[in-house]
Protein backbone atom coordinates (compact mmCIF):
# COMPACT_ATOMS: atom_id res chain seq x y z
CA MET A 1 70.14 36.64 -140.83
CA PHE A 2 67.50 36.15 -143.17
CA ILE A 3 66.44 33.25 -145.30
CA LEU A 4 64.44 34.00 -148.92
CA PHE A 5 62.45 31.56 -149.80
CA GLY A 6 60.88 31.18 -153.13
CA SER A 7 59.83 28.26 -155.77
CA PRO A 8 62.32 28.19 -159.28
CA ARG A 9 61.04 31.40 -161.46
CA SER A 10 59.29 32.52 -158.84
CA GLY A 11 61.35 36.33 -158.61
CA THR A 12 63.61 35.20 -156.09
CA THR A 13 66.90 36.53 -158.43
CA LEU A 14 65.14 39.42 -159.30
CA TYR A 15 64.06 40.09 -155.12
CA LYS A 16 67.48 39.27 -153.82
CA GLU A 17 69.37 41.82 -156.55
CA SER A 18 67.21 44.54 -155.49
CA LEU A 19 67.84 43.98 -151.55
CA ASN A 20 71.18 43.67 -152.50
CA LEU A 21 71.56 47.26 -153.87
CA HIS A 22 70.75 48.39 -150.06
CA SER A 23 73.65 49.22 -148.40
CA GLY A 24 73.10 47.54 -145.20
CA ILE A 25 72.11 44.19 -147.07
CA PHE A 26 73.87 41.16 -148.67
CA ILE A 27 72.91 38.22 -150.03
CA PRO A 28 75.65 35.76 -151.90
CA ASN A 29 74.34 33.64 -154.67
CA GLN A 30 73.07 30.61 -154.32
CA THR A 31 74.14 28.29 -151.73
CA THR A 32 73.87 24.43 -151.43
CA PHE A 33 74.43 23.43 -148.11
CA ILE A 34 71.82 24.50 -145.86
CA SER A 35 69.75 21.14 -146.73
CA PRO A 36 72.93 18.58 -146.25
CA VAL A 37 73.60 20.76 -143.02
CA ALA A 38 69.84 19.99 -141.99
CA HIS A 39 69.76 16.42 -142.78
CA VAL A 40 73.52 16.02 -140.52
CA ILE A 41 71.75 17.79 -137.78
CA GLY A 42 68.64 15.63 -137.31
CA CYS A 43 70.29 12.14 -137.72
CA ILE A 44 73.47 12.91 -135.87
CA SER A 45 72.84 13.93 -132.04
CA ASP A 46 77.22 13.87 -131.33
CA TRP A 47 77.40 17.74 -131.59
CA PRO A 48 81.38 18.00 -132.01
CA LEU A 49 81.10 15.33 -134.81
CA ALA A 50 78.07 17.30 -136.35
CA ARG A 51 79.90 20.46 -136.04
CA ARG A 52 83.03 19.31 -137.96
CA LEU A 53 80.84 17.02 -140.60
CA ILE A 54 79.20 20.76 -141.16
CA ALA A 55 82.55 22.42 -141.64
CA GLU A 56 83.07 20.12 -144.25
CA ILE A 57 80.21 20.19 -146.29
CA ILE A 58 79.89 23.96 -146.29
CA THR A 59 83.77 24.18 -147.31
CA SER A 60 83.49 21.24 -149.52
CA THR A 61 80.39 22.49 -151.86
CA ASP A 62 81.30 22.70 -155.45
CA ASP A 63 79.90 26.41 -155.31
CA TYR A 64 82.05 26.93 -151.80
CA ALA A 65 84.86 29.05 -153.40
CA GLU A 66 83.17 31.41 -156.43
CA VAL A 67 79.94 31.93 -153.58
CA LEU A 68 81.04 32.03 -150.12
CA GLU A 69 84.89 32.25 -149.48
CA PRO A 70 85.33 35.36 -151.05
CA TYR A 71 82.98 36.47 -147.67
CA ILE A 72 83.66 33.77 -145.01
CA SER A 73 87.24 31.70 -145.34
CA LYS A 74 87.64 28.06 -144.34
CA ILE A 75 89.47 29.14 -140.67
CA GLU A 76 86.46 31.39 -140.10
CA VAL A 77 83.64 28.52 -141.25
CA GLY A 78 85.77 26.56 -138.48
CA GLU A 79 85.94 29.40 -135.62
CA VAL A 80 82.23 30.77 -135.81
CA LEU A 81 81.09 27.12 -135.59
CA GLU A 82 83.11 26.83 -132.36
CA THR A 83 80.99 29.01 -130.82
CA ALA A 84 77.66 28.47 -132.60
CA ALA A 85 74.46 26.84 -130.96
CA PRO A 86 74.07 23.11 -131.88
CA THR A 87 71.36 23.79 -134.22
CA LEU A 88 71.07 24.88 -137.55
CA ALA A 89 69.51 28.06 -136.83
CA GLY A 90 72.29 28.11 -134.47
CA VAL A 91 74.83 27.42 -137.67
CA LEU A 92 72.89 29.48 -139.83
CA ASN A 93 73.51 32.97 -137.72
CA ALA A 94 77.13 31.99 -137.27
CA ILE A 95 78.16 31.92 -140.93
CA TYR A 96 76.34 34.79 -142.12
CA GLY A 97 76.79 36.58 -139.27
CA ARG A 98 80.14 36.62 -140.15
CA ILE A 99 79.26 36.82 -143.73
CA ALA A 100 77.62 40.07 -142.92
CA ARG A 101 80.28 41.56 -140.90
CA ASN A 102 83.07 40.48 -143.33
CA ALA A 103 80.99 42.02 -145.97
CA GLY A 104 80.65 45.51 -144.13
CA LYS A 105 76.32 45.17 -144.11
CA VAL A 106 74.18 45.14 -141.28
CA ILE A 107 72.80 41.61 -141.86
CA SER A 108 73.23 38.97 -144.49
CA GLY A 109 71.05 36.19 -146.20
CA ASP A 110 70.38 32.75 -147.95
CA LYS A 111 68.32 32.56 -151.22
CA THR A 112 67.86 29.13 -152.60
CA PRO A 113 65.13 28.09 -154.01
CA ASP A 114 66.09 24.22 -153.81
CA ASP A 115 65.76 24.64 -149.94
CA LEU A 116 61.93 25.00 -150.15
CA LEU A 117 61.52 21.74 -151.27
CA SER A 118 63.43 20.05 -148.22
CA ILE A 119 61.12 22.69 -146.30
CA ARG A 120 60.15 19.34 -144.04
CA LYS A 121 63.44 18.84 -142.59
CA LEU A 122 63.68 21.96 -142.26
CA GLU A 123 61.09 21.98 -140.04
CA GLN A 124 61.89 19.31 -138.23
CA VAL A 125 65.20 20.25 -137.04
CA SER A 126 63.26 23.06 -135.91
CA LEU A 127 64.27 26.15 -138.04
CA LEU A 128 61.10 27.19 -138.38
CA ASP A 129 60.95 27.55 -134.75
CA SER A 130 63.99 29.82 -134.75
CA ASP A 131 64.25 33.54 -134.78
CA ILE A 132 65.56 33.78 -138.43
CA LYS A 133 63.37 35.92 -140.50
CA PHE A 134 61.81 34.14 -143.27
CA VAL A 135 61.14 36.26 -146.38
CA HIS A 136 58.40 34.03 -148.72
CA ILE A 137 57.76 34.84 -152.16
CA VAL A 138 55.30 33.38 -153.83
CA ARG A 139 54.24 33.78 -157.85
CA ASP A 140 51.26 32.30 -159.52
CA VAL A 141 52.00 28.89 -160.83
CA ARG A 142 50.65 29.52 -164.17
CA GLY A 143 53.51 31.95 -164.20
CA VAL A 144 55.89 30.15 -163.17
CA LEU A 145 55.15 27.33 -165.21
CA SER A 146 55.32 29.61 -168.37
CA SER A 147 58.57 31.09 -167.40
CA LEU A 148 60.26 27.88 -166.75
CA ASP A 149 59.00 26.96 -170.66
CA GLN A 150 61.78 29.58 -171.44
CA VAL A 151 65.07 27.85 -169.65
CA SER A 152 67.07 25.03 -171.16
CA TRP A 153 67.57 23.81 -167.92
CA ALA A 154 64.44 22.74 -166.52
CA PRO A 155 63.48 18.99 -166.95
CA ALA A 156 61.37 17.30 -169.07
CA GLY A 157 57.80 16.96 -168.37
CA ILE A 158 57.90 19.01 -165.54
CA GLU A 159 54.74 20.58 -166.41
CA GLU A 160 53.37 17.88 -164.93
CA TYR A 161 54.52 17.69 -161.55
CA PHE A 162 55.62 21.07 -160.66
CA PRO A 163 52.36 22.24 -160.05
CA ARG A 164 52.06 20.22 -157.21
CA LEU A 165 55.35 20.91 -155.40
CA TRP A 166 54.40 24.66 -155.88
CA ASN A 167 51.08 23.91 -154.51
CA TYR A 168 52.71 21.77 -150.93
CA THR A 169 55.73 23.64 -150.60
CA ASN A 170 54.71 27.23 -150.64
CA LEU A 171 50.98 26.44 -148.30
CA HIS A 172 53.54 24.26 -146.48
CA LEU A 173 55.87 27.30 -145.17
CA HIS A 174 52.92 29.53 -145.40
CA LYS A 175 50.65 27.95 -143.21
CA THR A 176 53.11 27.21 -140.32
CA MET A 177 54.51 30.54 -140.53
CA VAL A 178 52.06 33.25 -140.91
CA GLY A 179 51.04 35.85 -138.24
CA ARG A 180 54.74 34.93 -136.80
CA PRO A 181 56.63 38.41 -136.48
CA ASN A 182 59.20 37.02 -138.13
CA TYR A 183 57.72 36.20 -141.35
CA LEU A 184 57.30 38.37 -144.20
CA LEU A 185 54.87 36.98 -147.82
CA VAL A 186 55.67 38.91 -150.90
CA ARG A 187 53.62 38.43 -153.89
CA TYR A 188 56.16 38.41 -157.37
CA GLU A 189 53.55 40.23 -158.86
CA ASP A 190 53.40 43.00 -155.95
CA LEU A 191 56.68 43.13 -155.91
CA VAL A 192 57.02 44.10 -159.76
CA LEU A 193 53.49 46.39 -159.76
CA ASP A 194 55.23 48.36 -157.13
CA PRO A 195 58.83 47.65 -155.97
CA ARG A 196 58.79 50.74 -153.89
CA ASN A 197 56.45 49.62 -151.47
CA SER A 198 57.15 45.81 -151.20
CA LEU A 199 60.84 46.75 -151.03
CA ALA A 200 59.77 49.28 -148.53
CA LYS A 201 58.08 46.76 -146.60
CA THR A 202 61.00 44.15 -146.65
CA SER A 203 63.60 46.51 -145.54
CA GLU A 204 61.43 47.44 -142.57
CA PHE A 205 60.72 43.70 -141.71
CA LEU A 206 64.75 43.45 -141.92
CA GLY A 207 64.97 46.74 -139.78
CA LEU A 208 66.36 48.60 -141.84
CA GLU A 209 65.52 51.96 -143.78
CA PHE A 210 64.01 51.93 -147.59
CA GLU A 211 67.10 52.98 -149.61
CA GLU A 212 66.41 54.53 -153.39
CA ALA A 213 69.11 52.85 -154.79
CA MET A 214 67.17 49.37 -154.38
CA LEU A 215 64.84 50.21 -157.52
CA ASP A 216 67.70 51.54 -159.59
CA ASN A 217 67.56 48.38 -162.02
CA SER A 218 70.78 50.00 -163.97
CA LYS A 219 73.07 48.58 -160.65
CA ARG A 220 71.07 45.53 -160.56
CA ALA A 221 73.30 41.75 -161.03
CA PRO A 222 76.55 43.41 -162.87
CA MET A 223 77.33 39.71 -162.50
CA LEU A 224 74.60 38.25 -163.61
CA ARG A 225 73.76 39.34 -166.40
CA ASN A 226 75.34 36.90 -169.00
CA ASP A 227 72.84 34.27 -167.53
CA GLN A 228 70.58 32.80 -169.91
CA SER A 229 68.25 32.28 -167.12
CA HIS A 230 68.61 35.74 -166.01
CA THR A 231 68.51 37.88 -169.18
CA ASN A 232 65.85 40.34 -167.50
CA LEU A 233 67.79 41.49 -164.24
CA ALA A 234 69.14 44.73 -165.53
CA LYS A 235 65.84 45.75 -167.20
CA PRO A 236 63.27 47.65 -165.16
CA PHE A 237 60.90 46.15 -163.56
CA LEU A 238 58.69 44.34 -166.20
CA GLN A 239 55.06 44.35 -165.20
CA GLU A 240 53.90 42.65 -168.39
CA ARG A 241 55.25 39.59 -166.75
CA THR A 242 52.78 39.60 -164.17
CA THR A 243 49.91 38.26 -167.00
CA SER A 244 52.12 37.35 -169.81
CA TRP A 245 51.09 33.46 -168.84
CA GLN A 246 47.72 34.43 -169.80
CA THR A 247 48.80 34.38 -173.58
CA GLU A 248 51.38 31.93 -173.63
CA LEU A 249 50.47 28.91 -171.22
CA ALA A 250 48.73 26.04 -173.30
CA PRO A 251 44.81 25.78 -171.83
CA ARG A 252 45.99 22.20 -170.88
CA LEU A 253 48.61 23.22 -168.76
CA ARG A 254 46.46 26.44 -167.44
CA GLU A 255 43.66 23.87 -166.47
CA HIS A 256 46.02 21.37 -165.14
CA CYS A 257 47.60 24.09 -162.99
CA GLU A 258 44.15 25.21 -162.05
CA ALA A 259 43.04 21.25 -161.07
CA THR A 260 46.56 20.44 -159.08
CA ALA A 261 47.35 23.62 -156.96
CA ALA A 262 43.99 25.16 -156.20
CA GLU A 263 44.43 25.22 -152.64
CA ALA A 264 47.61 27.52 -152.41
CA LEU A 265 46.23 29.33 -155.78
CA SER A 266 43.55 30.25 -153.73
CA ALA A 267 44.99 31.30 -150.58
CA PHE A 268 47.83 33.43 -151.63
CA GLY A 269 45.05 35.15 -153.94
CA TYR A 270 45.17 33.73 -157.94
CA LEU A 271 42.00 32.43 -157.72
């Protein structure tokens, strides 16, 4: 299996839905169980007990019935965990291996931006030292803030602290994983400006051939098109969004980003 990591409003859904157009790839909608399971594994050494709790967590999440149950039943969750290795990587490989099989796909993955906020816990339970593949999408934080300003769910005052979170979480993952064969970094700007190249690299990374269907925006994200947060998903790749922050973002916020997230902006080639 693989995990698609990225901060909110960094193009994770666009990337995920483009990958889902490949005949061999399936990524369900956002889940909420990986970070809670990591905490269980990190604090309960009794594996039979931890395994039971993990099964309960996965099948009791508010989104399980809609997001996961169509592809893995409660009985199957228990079954695959019985033979899973007693690690977070073992749990994820077991769950997503069964999801891929049930969906008739070669590989299945997870995409949940909130999990990047738990990167230190995921590291502590050795997920980053596993054989799971990590696809990491990064978007210029100035563009992220500009995008966050257009959604209703962004918390008040997020522009003050988010650049620091973006800086820490993305740098932590990148500096831990860079150079490893199971890590792929893709910039949002590169994905949007040259989607064929970025998606071909991702397909190869996942052990698959690139398919032209991945570029077909008319078939992208049919279930999310009425979501206020994803109104552009069905449109062609919007190249203008890579630089729109230059006119949309207030000068004070631009300076704030450049001061508080300078290290990551430089590391990812934005400064």
